[in-house]
């Protein structure tokens, strides 16, 4: 049984929530060969999530703090729908995740304690599981818009990376909610000037 490696990231006054499925086997708590560069959500070498966001926002992510600072400034929370699971065949495929324990308490808390306007799913798999397993959370918050992004997985090749970038640009927030935010323990990052 694997436990999610990164918890949930919820900046103060979050207005948006990105939901994925589960961390890859290369994560700190995964059952595969550890990847020291895999420091946060969707950070495996092959996943296109952060390269897509670099294009969407015209910035470069050098550190975990860069990613968290952007999400804080945009009011974006991030979590995965699965808290614990087992992995068939040591595979990163969502279809091979079994004996699933969903991240219900944390996601309910994010939705109840923040003014979330939109939830973005990172794949149809996540959307389908959320609509089935989080039915109470959906009915408690009918005002929240649910949107599905093209999967950043390179396995989802029906849509090119450039097409994914265009769709992310269209759907994700464009304005910075908190332009003066800087983490208290780190200096401002020049890419946000």
N, C-alpha and C. Protein backbone atom coordinates (compact mmCIF):
# COMPACT_ATOMS: atom_id res chain seq x y z
N UNK A 1 0.85 -1.18 0.00
CA UNK A 1 0.00 0.00 0.00
C UNK A 1 0.89 1.24 0.00
N UNK A 2 0.63 2.15 -0.90
CA UNK A 2 1.37 3.42 -0.97
C UNK A 2 0.50 4.54 -0.43
N UNK A 3 1.13 5.50 0.23
CA UNK A 3 0.44 6.70 0.70
C UNK A 3 0.92 7.88 -0.12
N UNK A 4 0.01 8.78 -0.41
CA UNK A 4 0.35 9.96 -1.22
C UNK A 4 1.54 10.69 -0.62
N UNK A 5 2.47 11.08 -1.46
CA UNK A 5 3.74 11.64 -0.99
C UNK A 5 3.69 13.13 -0.69
N UNK A 6 2.76 13.87 -1.29
CA UNK A 6 2.88 15.32 -1.23
C UNK A 6 1.75 16.02 -0.48
N UNK A 7 0.80 15.30 0.04
CA UNK A 7 -0.30 15.94 0.77
C UNK A 7 -1.17 16.78 -0.15
N UNK A 8 -1.62 17.92 0.34
CA UNK A 8 -2.45 18.84 -0.42
C UNK A 8 -1.85 20.23 -0.28
N UNK A 9 -1.93 21.03 -1.32
CA UNK A 9 -1.42 22.40 -1.27
C UNK A 9 -2.61 23.34 -1.42
N UNK A 10 -2.85 24.14 -0.38
CA UNK A 10 -3.99 25.05 -0.40
C UNK A 10 -3.54 26.43 0.06
N UNK A 11 -3.32 27.34 -0.89
CA UNK A 11 -2.94 28.69 -0.47
C UNK A 11 -4.13 29.40 0.18
N UNK A 12 -3.83 30.41 0.98
CA UNK A 12 -4.89 31.20 1.59
C UNK A 12 -5.75 31.81 0.49
N UNK A 13 -7.05 31.81 0.70
CA UNK A 13 -8.01 32.38 -0.27
C UNK A 13 -7.97 31.68 -1.63
N UNK A 14 -7.79 30.38 -1.63
CA UNK A 14 -7.79 29.63 -2.89
C UNK A 14 -9.15 29.76 -3.57
N UNK A 15 -9.12 29.95 -4.88
CA UNK A 15 -10.35 30.05 -5.68
C UNK A 15 -10.48 28.92 -6.68
N UNK A 16 -9.39 28.24 -6.93
CA UNK A 16 -9.37 27.16 -7.92
C UNK A 16 -8.74 25.92 -7.30
N UNK A 17 -9.11 24.77 -7.82
CA UNK A 17 -8.55 23.51 -7.33
C UNK A 17 -8.22 22.62 -8.53
N UNK A 18 -6.97 22.18 -8.61
CA UNK A 18 -6.56 21.20 -9.61
C UNK A 18 -6.51 19.85 -8.93
N UNK A 19 -7.21 18.88 -9.51
CA UNK A 19 -7.24 17.52 -8.97
C UNK A 19 -6.62 16.53 -9.95
N UNK A 20 -5.67 15.75 -9.45
CA UNK A 20 -5.09 14.66 -10.22
C UNK A 20 -5.50 13.34 -9.59
N UNK A 21 -4.84 12.27 -10.01
CA UNK A 21 -5.20 10.94 -9.49
C UNK A 21 -4.33 10.55 -8.30
N UNK A 22 -3.04 10.27 -8.53
CA UNK A 22 -2.15 9.79 -7.49
C UNK A 22 -0.72 9.99 -7.94
N UNK A 23 0.19 10.01 -6.99
CA UNK A 23 1.61 10.19 -7.32
C UNK A 23 2.15 8.98 -8.09
N UNK A 24 3.20 9.21 -8.83
CA UNK A 24 3.82 8.15 -9.62
C UNK A 24 4.69 7.26 -8.74
N UNK A 25 5.05 6.10 -9.27
CA UNK A 25 5.85 5.14 -8.50
C UNK A 25 7.23 5.68 -8.15
N UNK A 26 7.71 6.72 -8.85
CA UNK A 26 9.02 7.32 -8.58
C UNK A 26 9.00 8.30 -7.42
N UNK A 27 7.82 8.54 -6.82
CA UNK A 27 7.70 9.51 -5.72
C UNK A 27 8.40 8.99 -4.47
N UNK A 28 8.59 9.87 -3.47
CA UNK A 28 9.26 9.44 -2.23
C UNK A 28 8.59 8.26 -1.53
N UNK A 29 7.27 8.09 -1.70
CA UNK A 29 6.58 6.97 -1.05
C UNK A 29 6.18 5.88 -2.04
N UNK A 30 6.62 5.99 -3.28
CA UNK A 30 6.24 5.03 -4.31
C UNK A 30 7.02 3.74 -4.24
N UNK A 31 6.63 2.79 -5.11
CA UNK A 31 7.28 1.48 -5.10
C UNK A 31 8.29 1.31 -6.24
N UNK A 32 8.64 2.41 -6.89
CA UNK A 32 9.61 2.35 -7.99
C UNK A 32 10.93 2.98 -7.61
N UNK A 33 11.81 3.07 -8.57
CA UNK A 33 13.10 3.72 -8.37
C UNK A 33 12.88 5.20 -8.11
N UNK A 34 13.35 5.71 -6.99
CA UNK A 34 13.09 7.10 -6.60
C UNK A 34 13.78 8.07 -7.56
N UNK A 35 13.09 9.16 -7.86
CA UNK A 35 13.62 10.21 -8.72
C UNK A 35 13.79 11.46 -7.87
N UNK A 36 15.03 11.86 -7.52
CA UNK A 36 15.23 13.01 -6.64
C UNK A 36 14.67 14.32 -7.23
N UNK A 37 14.51 14.40 -8.54
CA UNK A 37 13.96 15.61 -9.16
C UNK A 37 12.44 15.67 -9.03
N UNK A 38 11.83 14.55 -8.67
CA UNK A 38 10.37 14.48 -8.54
C UNK A 38 9.99 14.98 -7.15
N UNK A 39 9.85 16.30 -7.04
CA UNK A 39 9.67 16.93 -5.74
C UNK A 39 8.23 17.36 -5.44
N UNK A 40 7.33 17.22 -6.42
CA UNK A 40 5.96 17.68 -6.20
C UNK A 40 5.05 17.08 -7.25
N UNK A 41 3.78 17.38 -7.15
CA UNK A 41 2.77 16.86 -8.07
C UNK A 41 3.24 16.87 -9.53
N UNK A 42 3.00 15.77 -10.22
CA UNK A 42 3.20 15.63 -11.67
C UNK A 42 4.62 15.98 -12.11
N UNK A 43 5.57 15.73 -11.23
CA UNK A 43 6.95 16.14 -11.51
C UNK A 43 7.84 15.08 -12.12
N UNK A 44 7.27 13.98 -12.61
CA UNK A 44 8.13 12.99 -13.26
C UNK A 44 8.68 13.55 -14.55
N UNK A 45 9.77 12.98 -15.01
CA UNK A 45 10.45 13.50 -16.20
C UNK A 45 9.55 13.50 -17.43
N UNK A 46 8.69 12.49 -17.55
CA UNK A 46 7.87 12.36 -18.76
C UNK A 46 6.58 13.17 -18.71
N UNK A 47 6.09 13.50 -17.51
CA UNK A 47 4.83 14.22 -17.40
C UNK A 47 4.98 15.63 -17.97
N UNK A 48 3.99 16.06 -18.73
CA UNK A 48 4.07 17.35 -19.42
C UNK A 48 3.45 18.50 -18.62
N UNK A 49 2.95 18.25 -17.41
CA UNK A 49 2.21 19.27 -16.67
C UNK A 49 3.01 20.55 -16.49
N UNK A 50 4.19 20.46 -15.90
CA UNK A 50 4.95 21.69 -15.62
C UNK A 50 5.49 22.34 -16.89
N UNK A 51 5.97 21.57 -17.88
CA UNK A 51 6.34 22.21 -19.15
C UNK A 51 5.16 22.93 -19.82
N UNK A 52 3.96 22.36 -19.70
CA UNK A 52 2.78 23.05 -20.24
C UNK A 52 2.55 24.35 -19.50
N UNK A 53 2.61 24.31 -18.16
CA UNK A 53 2.39 25.54 -17.38
C UNK A 53 3.47 26.59 -17.64
N UNK A 54 4.69 26.14 -17.90
CA UNK A 54 5.74 27.11 -18.26
C UNK A 54 5.34 27.89 -19.50
N UNK A 55 4.76 27.20 -20.47
CA UNK A 55 4.32 27.86 -21.71
C UNK A 55 3.08 28.72 -21.46
N UNK A 56 2.15 28.23 -20.67
CA UNK A 56 0.91 28.96 -20.39
C UNK A 56 1.21 30.30 -19.72
N UNK A 57 2.12 30.29 -18.73
CA UNK A 57 2.39 31.49 -17.94
C UNK A 57 3.69 32.20 -18.31
N UNK A 58 4.42 31.67 -19.29
CA UNK A 58 5.64 32.33 -19.76
C UNK A 58 6.72 32.44 -18.70
N UNK A 59 6.85 31.40 -17.88
CA UNK A 59 7.86 31.40 -16.83
C UNK A 59 8.60 30.07 -16.83
N UNK A 60 9.66 30.00 -16.06
CA UNK A 60 10.42 28.76 -15.94
C UNK A 60 10.44 28.35 -14.47
N UNK A 61 10.18 27.06 -14.22
CA UNK A 61 10.19 26.56 -12.85
C UNK A 61 11.54 25.92 -12.55
N UNK A 62 12.30 26.55 -11.67
CA UNK A 62 13.60 26.00 -11.27
C UNK A 62 13.51 25.21 -9.98
N UNK A 63 12.54 25.57 -9.14
CA UNK A 63 12.45 24.96 -7.81
C UNK A 63 10.99 24.67 -7.47
N UNK A 64 10.81 23.89 -6.45
CA UNK A 64 9.48 23.64 -5.89
C UNK A 64 8.84 24.95 -5.46
N UNK A 65 9.63 25.84 -4.88
CA UNK A 65 9.11 27.13 -4.41
C UNK A 65 8.55 27.95 -5.57
N UNK A 66 9.17 27.87 -6.76
CA UNK A 66 8.65 28.57 -7.94
C UNK A 66 7.22 28.12 -8.24
N UNK A 67 7.00 26.82 -8.20
CA UNK A 67 5.69 26.26 -8.51
C UNK A 67 4.68 26.69 -7.46
N UNK A 68 5.06 26.58 -6.20
CA UNK A 68 4.14 26.93 -5.12
C UNK A 68 3.84 28.42 -5.11
N UNK A 69 4.82 29.24 -5.44
CA UNK A 69 4.59 30.68 -5.46
C UNK A 69 3.62 31.04 -6.57
N UNK A 70 3.75 30.44 -7.75
CA UNK A 70 2.80 30.72 -8.82
C UNK A 70 1.39 30.32 -8.40
N UNK A 71 1.24 29.14 -7.84
CA UNK A 71 -0.08 28.68 -7.43
C UNK A 71 -0.67 29.56 -6.33
N UNK A 72 0.16 30.05 -5.44
CA UNK A 72 -0.30 30.94 -4.39
C UNK A 72 -0.77 32.26 -5.00
N UNK A 73 0.00 32.78 -5.91
CA UNK A 73 -0.36 34.06 -6.54
C UNK A 73 -1.62 33.94 -7.39
N UNK A 74 -1.87 32.77 -7.95
CA UNK A 74 -3.06 32.56 -8.78
C UNK A 74 -4.26 32.07 -7.96
N UNK A 75 -4.05 31.73 -6.70
CA UNK A 75 -5.13 31.21 -5.88
C UNK A 75 -5.53 29.80 -6.26
N UNK A 76 -4.53 28.99 -6.65
CA UNK A 76 -4.80 27.60 -7.08
C UNK A 76 -4.35 26.63 -6.00
N UNK A 77 -5.28 25.80 -5.56
CA UNK A 77 -4.97 24.67 -4.67
C UNK A 77 -4.73 23.45 -5.56
N UNK A 78 -4.01 22.46 -5.02
CA UNK A 78 -3.75 21.25 -5.78
C UNK A 78 -3.78 20.05 -4.84
N UNK A 79 -4.43 19.00 -5.31
CA UNK A 79 -4.56 17.77 -4.52
C UNK A 79 -4.79 16.62 -5.48
N UNK A 80 -4.71 15.41 -4.98
CA UNK A 80 -5.05 14.22 -5.75
C UNK A 80 -6.26 13.57 -5.10
N UNK A 81 -7.06 12.89 -5.91
CA UNK A 81 -8.28 12.28 -5.38
C UNK A 81 -8.01 11.01 -4.60
N UNK A 82 -6.82 10.43 -4.78
CA UNK A 82 -6.47 9.18 -4.09
C UNK A 82 -5.46 9.47 -2.99
N UNK A 83 -5.76 8.99 -1.79
CA UNK A 83 -4.87 9.16 -0.65
C UNK A 83 -3.93 7.97 -0.50
N UNK A 84 -4.48 6.76 -0.68
CA UNK A 84 -3.69 5.53 -0.57
C UNK A 84 -4.19 4.53 -1.60
N UNK A 85 -3.27 3.69 -2.08
CA UNK A 85 -3.67 2.64 -3.01
C UNK A 85 -2.52 1.66 -3.19
N UNK A 86 -2.81 0.60 -3.91
CA UNK A 86 -1.79 -0.34 -4.37
C UNK A 86 -1.68 -0.19 -5.88
N UNK A 87 -0.57 -0.69 -6.40
CA UNK A 87 -0.27 -0.51 -7.81
C UNK A 87 -0.02 -1.87 -8.45
N UNK A 88 -0.86 -2.25 -9.42
CA UNK A 88 -0.64 -3.50 -10.14
C UNK A 88 0.54 -3.34 -11.10
N UNK A 89 1.35 -4.36 -11.21
CA UNK A 89 2.46 -4.41 -12.18
C UNK A 89 3.46 -3.28 -12.01
N UNK A 90 3.50 -2.61 -10.85
CA UNK A 90 4.43 -1.50 -10.65
C UNK A 90 4.25 -0.39 -11.67
N UNK A 91 3.04 -0.20 -12.15
CA UNK A 91 2.76 0.71 -13.25
C UNK A 91 2.21 2.05 -12.77
N UNK A 92 2.53 3.11 -13.51
CA UNK A 92 1.99 4.44 -13.22
C UNK A 92 0.60 4.66 -13.82
N UNK A 93 0.12 3.73 -14.63
CA UNK A 93 -1.19 3.90 -15.25
C UNK A 93 -2.29 3.97 -14.21
N UNK A 94 -3.19 4.93 -14.35
CA UNK A 94 -4.31 5.06 -13.42
C UNK A 94 -5.14 3.78 -13.37
N UNK A 95 -5.27 3.13 -14.49
CA UNK A 95 -6.06 1.89 -14.56
C UNK A 95 -5.47 0.78 -13.70
N UNK A 96 -4.20 0.89 -13.32
CA UNK A 96 -3.54 -0.13 -12.51
C UNK A 96 -3.53 0.20 -11.02
N UNK A 97 -4.24 1.25 -10.62
CA UNK A 97 -4.34 1.59 -9.20
C UNK A 97 -5.51 0.82 -8.61
N UNK A 98 -5.24 0.06 -7.53
CA UNK A 98 -6.27 -0.79 -6.92
C UNK A 98 -6.32 -0.58 -5.41
N UNK A 99 -7.34 -1.14 -4.77
CA UNK A 99 -7.52 -1.00 -3.32
C UNK A 99 -7.38 0.46 -2.90
N UNK A 100 -8.19 1.28 -3.53
CA UNK A 100 -8.10 2.74 -3.42
C UNK A 100 -8.79 3.26 -2.16
N UNK A 101 -8.09 4.16 -1.47
CA UNK A 101 -8.70 4.97 -0.40
C UNK A 101 -8.68 6.41 -0.90
N UNK A 102 -9.86 6.98 -1.05
CA UNK A 102 -9.96 8.32 -1.62
C UNK A 102 -9.62 9.40 -0.59
N UNK A 103 -9.22 10.54 -1.09
CA UNK A 103 -8.78 11.68 -0.29
C UNK A 103 -9.99 12.55 0.08
N UNK A 104 -11.04 11.92 0.56
CA UNK A 104 -12.34 12.59 0.74
C UNK A 104 -12.31 13.69 1.79
N UNK A 105 -11.74 13.41 2.94
CA UNK A 105 -11.75 14.39 4.03
C UNK A 105 -11.03 15.68 3.62
N UNK A 106 -9.86 15.54 3.02
CA UNK A 106 -9.09 16.72 2.63
C UNK A 106 -9.79 17.51 1.53
N UNK A 107 -10.33 16.83 0.53
CA UNK A 107 -10.99 17.54 -0.57
C UNK A 107 -12.27 18.21 -0.08
N UNK A 108 -13.01 17.53 0.78
CA UNK A 108 -14.21 18.14 1.38
C UNK A 108 -13.81 19.40 2.13
N UNK A 109 -12.74 19.34 2.90
CA UNK A 109 -12.25 20.49 3.66
C UNK A 109 -11.86 21.64 2.73
N UNK A 110 -11.17 21.32 1.63
CA UNK A 110 -10.76 22.37 0.68
C UNK A 110 -12.01 23.06 0.11
N UNK A 111 -13.01 22.28 -0.27
CA UNK A 111 -14.22 22.85 -0.86
C UNK A 111 -15.05 23.62 0.17
N UNK A 112 -15.12 23.11 1.39
CA UNK A 112 -15.94 23.75 2.43
C UNK A 112 -15.31 25.02 2.99
N UNK A 113 -13.99 25.08 3.04
CA UNK A 113 -13.30 26.18 3.73
C UNK A 113 -12.73 27.26 2.81
N UNK A 114 -12.96 27.12 1.52
CA UNK A 114 -12.44 28.10 0.56
C UNK A 114 -13.56 28.46 -0.41
N UNK A 115 -13.39 29.56 -1.09
CA UNK A 115 -14.40 29.99 -2.08
C UNK A 115 -13.98 29.48 -3.46
N UNK A 116 -13.98 28.16 -3.60
CA UNK A 116 -13.55 27.54 -4.86
C UNK A 116 -14.61 27.82 -5.94
N UNK A 117 -14.15 28.39 -7.04
CA UNK A 117 -15.04 28.69 -8.17
C UNK A 117 -15.00 27.59 -9.23
N UNK A 118 -13.81 27.01 -9.41
CA UNK A 118 -13.63 26.00 -10.46
C UNK A 118 -12.75 24.87 -9.96
N UNK A 119 -13.10 23.65 -10.35
CA UNK A 119 -12.26 22.48 -10.12
C UNK A 119 -11.81 22.00 -11.50
N UNK A 120 -10.49 21.82 -11.64
CA UNK A 120 -9.91 21.33 -12.89
C UNK A 120 -9.42 19.90 -12.68
N UNK A 121 -9.88 18.98 -13.50
CA UNK A 121 -9.42 17.60 -13.45
C UNK A 121 -8.29 17.44 -14.46
N UNK A 122 -7.25 16.68 -14.09
CA UNK A 122 -6.11 16.51 -14.99
C UNK A 122 -6.31 15.39 -16.00
N UNK A 123 -7.47 14.74 -15.96
CA UNK A 123 -7.76 13.70 -16.95
C UNK A 123 -9.22 13.28 -16.84
N UNK A 124 -9.69 12.57 -17.85
CA UNK A 124 -11.06 12.01 -17.81
C UNK A 124 -11.18 10.96 -16.71
N UNK A 125 -10.10 10.23 -16.45
CA UNK A 125 -10.11 9.25 -15.36
C UNK A 125 -10.44 9.94 -14.04
N UNK A 126 -9.77 11.05 -13.75
CA UNK A 126 -10.00 11.78 -12.51
C UNK A 126 -11.42 12.33 -12.48
N UNK A 127 -11.87 12.89 -13.58
CA UNK A 127 -13.23 13.41 -13.65
C UNK A 127 -14.25 12.31 -13.34
N UNK A 128 -14.10 11.16 -13.99
CA UNK A 128 -15.04 10.04 -13.81
C UNK A 128 -15.06 9.57 -12.36
N UNK A 129 -13.89 9.38 -11.77
CA UNK A 129 -13.81 8.92 -10.37
C UNK A 129 -14.38 9.97 -9.41
N UNK A 130 -14.10 11.24 -9.68
CA UNK A 130 -14.61 12.30 -8.81
C UNK A 130 -16.13 12.34 -8.86
N UNK A 131 -16.71 12.28 -10.06
CA UNK A 131 -18.16 12.33 -10.19
C UNK A 131 -18.84 11.14 -9.52
N UNK A 132 -18.14 10.02 -9.44
CA UNK A 132 -18.71 8.83 -8.80
C UNK A 132 -18.47 8.81 -7.29
N UNK A 133 -17.25 9.12 -6.86
CA UNK A 133 -16.86 8.94 -5.46
C UNK A 133 -17.07 10.17 -4.57
N UNK A 134 -17.21 11.34 -5.17
CA UNK A 134 -17.33 12.58 -4.40
C UNK A 134 -18.70 13.23 -4.62
N UNK A 135 -19.72 12.41 -4.75
CA UNK A 135 -21.07 12.89 -5.07
C UNK A 135 -21.60 13.85 -4.00
N UNK A 136 -21.31 13.59 -2.73
CA UNK A 136 -21.77 14.48 -1.66
C UNK A 136 -21.11 15.85 -1.75
N UNK A 137 -19.82 15.85 -2.05
CA UNK A 137 -19.08 17.11 -2.17
C UNK A 137 -19.62 17.93 -3.35
N UNK A 138 -19.99 17.24 -4.43
CA UNK A 138 -20.55 17.93 -5.59
C UNK A 138 -21.90 18.54 -5.24
N UNK A 139 -22.75 17.76 -4.59
CA UNK A 139 -24.09 18.26 -4.26
C UNK A 139 -24.03 19.38 -3.21
N UNK A 140 -23.01 19.37 -2.34
CA UNK A 140 -22.85 20.44 -1.35
C UNK A 140 -22.39 21.76 -1.98
N UNK A 141 -21.82 21.68 -3.19
CA UNK A 141 -21.25 22.87 -3.84
C UNK A 141 -21.68 22.94 -5.31
N UNK A 142 -22.97 23.11 -5.58
CA UNK A 142 -23.44 23.12 -6.97
C UNK A 142 -22.94 24.34 -7.76
N UNK A 143 -22.45 25.35 -7.05
CA UNK A 143 -21.97 26.56 -7.72
C UNK A 143 -20.59 26.39 -8.36
N UNK A 144 -19.89 25.34 -8.00
CA UNK A 144 -18.52 25.14 -8.51
C UNK A 144 -18.58 24.56 -9.92
N UNK A 145 -17.83 25.18 -10.82
CA UNK A 145 -17.73 24.71 -12.20
C UNK A 145 -16.68 23.61 -12.28
N UNK A 146 -17.02 22.50 -12.92
CA UNK A 146 -16.12 21.36 -13.07
C UNK A 146 -15.61 21.31 -14.50
N UNK A 147 -14.29 21.33 -14.68
CA UNK A 147 -13.67 21.37 -16.01
C UNK A 147 -12.58 20.31 -16.11
N UNK A 148 -12.45 19.72 -17.28
CA UNK A 148 -11.42 18.70 -17.49
C UNK A 148 -10.37 19.20 -18.47
N UNK A 149 -9.13 19.19 -18.00
CA UNK A 149 -7.99 19.57 -18.83
C UNK A 149 -7.53 18.36 -19.63
N UNK A 150 -6.88 18.56 -20.77
CA UNK A 150 -6.28 17.42 -21.46
C UNK A 150 -5.20 16.80 -20.55
N UNK A 151 -5.14 15.51 -20.49
CA UNK A 151 -4.17 14.84 -19.63
C UNK A 151 -2.75 15.25 -20.00
N UNK A 152 -1.93 15.61 -18.98
CA UNK A 152 -0.54 15.95 -19.25
C UNK A 152 0.35 14.72 -19.45
N UNK A 153 -0.25 13.55 -19.36
CA UNK A 153 0.53 12.33 -19.57
C UNK A 153 0.96 12.23 -21.03
N UNK A 154 2.22 11.87 -21.27
CA UNK A 154 2.66 11.71 -22.66
C UNK A 154 1.94 10.54 -23.34
N UNK A 155 1.33 9.64 -22.55
CA UNK A 155 0.55 8.54 -23.12
C UNK A 155 -0.70 9.05 -23.81
N UNK A 156 -1.17 10.23 -23.39
CA UNK A 156 -2.35 10.83 -24.01
C UNK A 156 -1.86 11.61 -25.23
N UNK A 157 -1.64 10.87 -26.31
CA UNK A 157 -1.03 11.45 -27.52
C UNK A 157 -2.05 11.86 -28.56
N UNK A 158 -3.34 11.63 -28.28
CA UNK A 158 -4.37 12.06 -29.23
C UNK A 158 -4.35 13.57 -29.40
N UNK A 159 -3.89 14.26 -28.36
CA UNK A 159 -3.79 15.71 -28.38
C UNK A 159 -2.31 16.06 -28.24
N UNK A 160 -1.80 16.88 -29.15
CA UNK A 160 -0.38 17.24 -29.10
C UNK A 160 -0.11 18.14 -27.90
N UNK A 161 1.16 18.24 -27.54
CA UNK A 161 1.53 19.11 -26.43
C UNK A 161 1.11 20.56 -26.72
N UNK A 162 1.28 21.01 -27.96
CA UNK A 162 0.88 22.38 -28.31
C UNK A 162 -0.62 22.58 -28.17
N UNK A 163 -1.40 21.57 -28.54
CA UNK A 163 -2.86 21.66 -28.37
C UNK A 163 -3.23 21.68 -26.89
N UNK A 164 -2.50 20.91 -26.10
CA UNK A 164 -2.73 20.92 -24.65
C UNK A 164 -2.46 22.30 -24.08
N UNK A 165 -1.36 22.92 -24.51
CA UNK A 165 -1.00 24.26 -24.04
C UNK A 165 -2.13 25.24 -24.35
N UNK A 166 -2.66 25.20 -25.56
CA UNK A 166 -3.74 26.10 -25.95
C UNK A 166 -4.98 25.89 -25.09
N UNK A 167 -5.32 24.64 -24.79
CA UNK A 167 -6.49 24.35 -23.98
C UNK A 167 -6.28 24.80 -22.53
N UNK A 168 -5.09 24.57 -21.99
CA UNK A 168 -4.78 25.03 -20.63
C UNK A 168 -4.87 26.56 -20.57
N UNK A 169 -4.34 27.24 -21.60
CA UNK A 169 -4.40 28.71 -21.64
C UNK A 169 -5.84 29.18 -21.62
N UNK A 170 -6.69 28.47 -22.31
CA UNK A 170 -8.10 28.86 -22.40
C UNK A 170 -8.82 28.65 -21.07
N UNK A 171 -8.49 27.58 -20.34
CA UNK A 171 -9.25 27.20 -19.15
C UNK A 171 -8.70 27.71 -17.83
N UNK A 172 -7.39 27.76 -17.68
CA UNK A 172 -6.79 28.12 -16.38
C UNK A 172 -6.90 29.62 -16.11
N UNK A 173 -6.83 30.02 -14.83
CA UNK A 173 -6.93 31.45 -14.51
C UNK A 173 -5.79 32.23 -15.15
N UNK A 174 -6.13 33.43 -15.59
CA UNK A 174 -5.15 34.27 -16.29
C UNK A 174 -4.62 35.39 -15.42
N UNK A 175 -5.36 35.74 -14.38
CA UNK A 175 -4.95 36.88 -13.57
C UNK A 175 -4.34 36.43 -12.25
N UNK A 176 -3.40 37.20 -11.80
CA UNK A 176 -2.75 36.93 -10.52
C UNK A 176 -3.58 37.60 -9.43
N UNK A 177 -4.02 36.83 -8.46
CA UNK A 177 -4.85 37.36 -7.37
C UNK A 177 -4.03 38.09 -6.32
N UNK A 178 -2.80 37.61 -6.08
CA UNK A 178 -1.99 38.14 -4.99
C UNK A 178 -0.60 38.50 -5.51
N UNK A 179 -0.48 39.64 -6.23
CA UNK A 179 0.80 39.97 -6.87
C UNK A 179 1.95 40.22 -5.92
N UNK A 180 1.67 40.62 -4.69
CA UNK A 180 2.75 40.94 -3.77
C UNK A 180 3.17 39.76 -2.90
N UNK A 181 2.56 38.60 -3.13
CA UNK A 181 2.88 37.45 -2.28
C UNK A 181 4.32 37.02 -2.47
N UNK A 182 4.97 36.76 -1.37
CA UNK A 182 6.29 36.13 -1.38
C UNK A 182 6.37 35.27 -0.13
N UNK A 183 6.80 34.01 -0.27
CA UNK A 183 6.90 33.17 0.91
C UNK A 183 7.78 33.84 1.96
N UNK A 184 7.41 33.77 3.23
CA UNK A 184 8.16 34.48 4.26
C UNK A 184 9.61 34.04 4.40
N UNK A 185 9.94 32.82 4.03
CA UNK A 185 11.31 32.34 4.24
C UNK A 185 12.15 32.35 2.97
N UNK A 186 11.59 32.81 1.85
CA UNK A 186 12.40 32.83 0.63
C UNK A 186 12.27 34.18 -0.08
N UNK A 187 13.29 34.57 -0.79
CA UNK A 187 13.24 35.86 -1.48
C UNK A 187 12.28 35.81 -2.66
N UNK A 188 11.89 37.01 -3.13
CA UNK A 188 11.05 37.06 -4.34
C UNK A 188 11.82 36.45 -5.50
N UNK A 189 11.08 35.80 -6.35
CA UNK A 189 11.68 35.14 -7.50
C UNK A 189 11.57 36.07 -8.70
N UNK A 190 12.65 36.27 -9.41
CA UNK A 190 12.69 37.28 -10.46
C UNK A 190 11.67 37.04 -11.56
N UNK A 191 11.26 35.80 -11.77
CA UNK A 191 10.32 35.55 -12.87
C UNK A 191 8.96 36.19 -12.62
N UNK A 192 8.69 36.67 -11.40
CA UNK A 192 7.39 37.25 -11.08
C UNK A 192 7.43 38.78 -11.06
N UNK A 193 8.52 39.39 -11.45
CA UNK A 193 8.61 40.85 -11.41
C UNK A 193 7.74 41.46 -12.49
